[in-house]
Amino acid sequence: MTRFEVHITEVIEHDQPLGPLDPTPEVRSVFWAGETDDEAGARDAAYVAWDGKYGPGKQPVQALVNVTPLAG
């Protein structure tokens, strides 16, 4: 088993630039750290954490997913 850290951040696109008085949009993200067999398993575990935080079926359409293996 290898230890991984995974950070998933939702990518939000806007049709027009935000103005100075526009509210800042919420950026959803989740951080997961744990042991698993490989990067695919770490990514899957992070998405399970996402579902736990935001609810099932509410995964981002576009996301930045950073998977970092940690030295043992």
C-alpha atoms as a PDB file:
ATOM      1  CA  MET A   1       0.000   0.000   0.000  1.00  0.00           C
ATOM      2  CA  THR A   2       1.142   3.497  -0.816  1.00  0.00           C
ATOM      3  CA  ARG A   3       0.117   6.704   0.922  1.00  0.00           C
ATOM      4  CA  PHE A   4      -1.448   9.384  -1.291  1.00  0.00           C
ATOM      5  CA  GLU A   5      -2.849  12.879  -0.970  1.00  0.00           C
ATOM      6  CA  VAL A   6      -5.594  13.926  -3.383  1.00  0.00           C
ATOM      7  CA  HIS A   7      -7.059  17.390  -3.851  1.00  0.00           C
ATOM      8  CA  ILE A   8     -10.142  17.825  -6.052  1.00  0.00           C
ATOM      9  CA  THR A   9     -11.187  21.359  -6.978  1.00  0.00           C
ATOM     10  CA  GLU A  10     -14.219  22.221  -9.070  1.00  0.00           C
ATOM     11  CA  VAL A  11     -13.511  24.358 -12.132  1.00  0.00           C
ATOM     12  CA  ILE A  12     -16.018  27.184 -12.510  1.00  0.00           C
ATOM     13  CA  GLU A  13     -16.326  28.970 -15.829  1.00  0.00           C
ATOM     14  CA  HIS A  14     -18.144  32.256 -16.304  1.00  0.00           C
ATOM     15  CA  ASP A  15     -19.607  33.602 -19.513  1.00  0.00           C
ATOM     16  CA  GLN A  16     -18.597  37.133 -18.538  1.00  0.00           C
ATOM     17  CA  PRO A  17     -15.981  38.492 -16.158  1.00  0.00           C
ATOM     18  CA  LEU A  18     -17.195  39.169 -12.649  1.00  0.00           C
ATOM     19  CA  GLY A  19     -17.644  42.801 -11.714  1.00  0.00           C
ATOM     20  CA  PRO A  20     -16.308  44.371  -8.516  1.00  0.00           C
ATOM     21  CA  LEU A  21     -19.737  44.153  -6.843  1.00  0.00           C
ATOM     22  CA  ASP A  22     -20.559  40.613  -7.972  1.00  0.00           C
ATOM     23  CA  PRO A  23     -20.472  37.945  -5.258  1.00  0.00           C
ATOM     24  CA  THR A  24     -17.540  35.570  -5.294  1.00  0.00           C
ATOM     25  CA  PRO A  25     -18.754  32.163  -6.480  1.00  0.00           C
ATOM     26  CA  GLU A  26     -18.339  29.202  -4.178  1.00  0.00           C
ATOM     27  CA  VAL A  27     -15.440  26.970  -5.158  1.00  0.00           C
ATOM     28  CA  ARG A  28     -16.081  23.443  -3.976  1.00  0.00           C
ATOM     29  CA  SER A  29     -13.114  21.251  -3.129  1.00  0.00           C
ATOM     30  CA  VAL A  30     -12.155  18.228  -1.072  1.00  0.00           C
ATOM     31  CA  PHE A  31      -8.852  16.959   0.282  1.00  0.00           C
ATOM     32  CA  TRP A  32      -8.268  13.262   0.951  1.00  0.00           C
ATOM     33  CA  ALA A  33      -5.199  11.492   2.354  1.00  0.00           C
ATOM     34  CA  GLY A  34      -4.803   7.789   2.931  1.00  0.00           C
ATOM     35  CA  GLU A  35      -3.316   4.502   1.813  1.00  0.00           C
ATOM     36  CA  THR A  36      -4.368   2.586  -1.274  1.00  0.00           C
ATOM     37  CA  ASP A  37      -2.842   0.349  -3.936  1.00  0.00           C
ATOM     38  CA  ASP A  38      -2.459   2.928  -6.700  1.00  0.00           C
ATOM     39  CA  GLU A  39      -3.333   6.411  -7.991  1.00  0.00           C
ATOM     40  CA  ALA A  40      -6.650   5.226  -9.438  1.00  0.00           C
ATOM     41  CA  GLY A  41      -7.670   3.914  -6.017  1.00  0.00           C
ATOM     42  CA  ALA A  42      -6.640   7.200  -4.400  1.00  0.00           C
ATOM     43  CA  ARG A  43      -8.694   9.161  -6.935  1.00  0.00           C
ATOM     44  CA  ASP A  44     -11.713   6.905  -6.334  1.00  0.00           C
ATOM     45  CA  ALA A  45     -11.394   7.333  -2.556  1.00  0.00           C
ATOM     46  CA  ALA A  46     -11.245  11.122  -2.965  1.00  0.00           C
ATOM     47  CA  TYR A  47     -14.457  11.090  -4.998  1.00  0.00           C
ATOM     48  CA  VAL A  48     -16.103   9.014  -2.240  1.00  0.00           C
ATOM     49  CA  ALA A  49     -15.025  11.792   0.163  1.00  0.00           C
ATOM     50  CA  TRP A  50     -16.530  14.328  -2.288  1.00  0.00           C
ATOM     51  CA  ASP A  51     -19.856  12.474  -2.216  1.00  0.00           C
ATOM     52  CA  GLY A  52     -19.711  12.439   1.575  1.00  0.00           C
ATOM     53  CA  LYS A  53     -19.161  16.200   1.715  1.00  0.00           C
ATOM     54  CA  TYR A  54     -21.504  17.398  -1.056  1.00  0.00           C
ATOM     55  CA  GLY A  55     -23.904  14.483  -1.504  1.00  0.00           C
ATOM     56  CA  PRO A  56     -24.134  11.686  -4.060  1.00  0.00           C
ATOM     57  CA  GLY A  57     -24.658  12.759  -7.650  1.00  0.00           C
ATOM     58  CA  LYS A  58     -23.172  16.219  -7.068  1.00  0.00           C
ATOM     59  CA  GLN A  59     -19.706  15.624  -8.495  1.00  0.00           C
ATOM     60  CA  PRO A  60     -18.178  18.431 -10.544  1.00  0.00           C
ATOM     61  CA  VAL A  61     -18.581  18.464 -14.299  1.00  0.00           C
ATOM     62  CA  GLN A  62     -15.045  19.818 -14.602  1.00  0.00           C
ATOM     63  CA  ALA A  63     -12.434  19.369 -11.910  1.00  0.00           C
ATOM     64  CA  LEU A  64      -8.744  19.703 -11.267  1.00  0.00           C
ATOM     65  CA  VAL A  65      -7.553  16.519  -9.573  1.00  0.00           C
ATOM     66  CA  ASN A  66      -4.067  16.481  -8.054  1.00  0.00           C
ATOM     67  CA  VAL A  67      -2.829  13.078  -6.865  1.00  0.00           C
ATOM     68  CA  THR A  68       0.442  13.091  -4.930  1.00  0.00           C
ATOM     69  CA  PRO A  69       2.172   9.876  -3.804  1.00  0.00           C
ATOM     70  CA  LEU A  70       3.968  10.349  -0.497  1.00  0.00           C
ATOM     71  CA  ALA A  71       7.298   8.815   0.399  1.00  0.00           C
ATOM     72  CA  GLY A  72       6.898   5.883   2.697  1.00  0.00           C
END
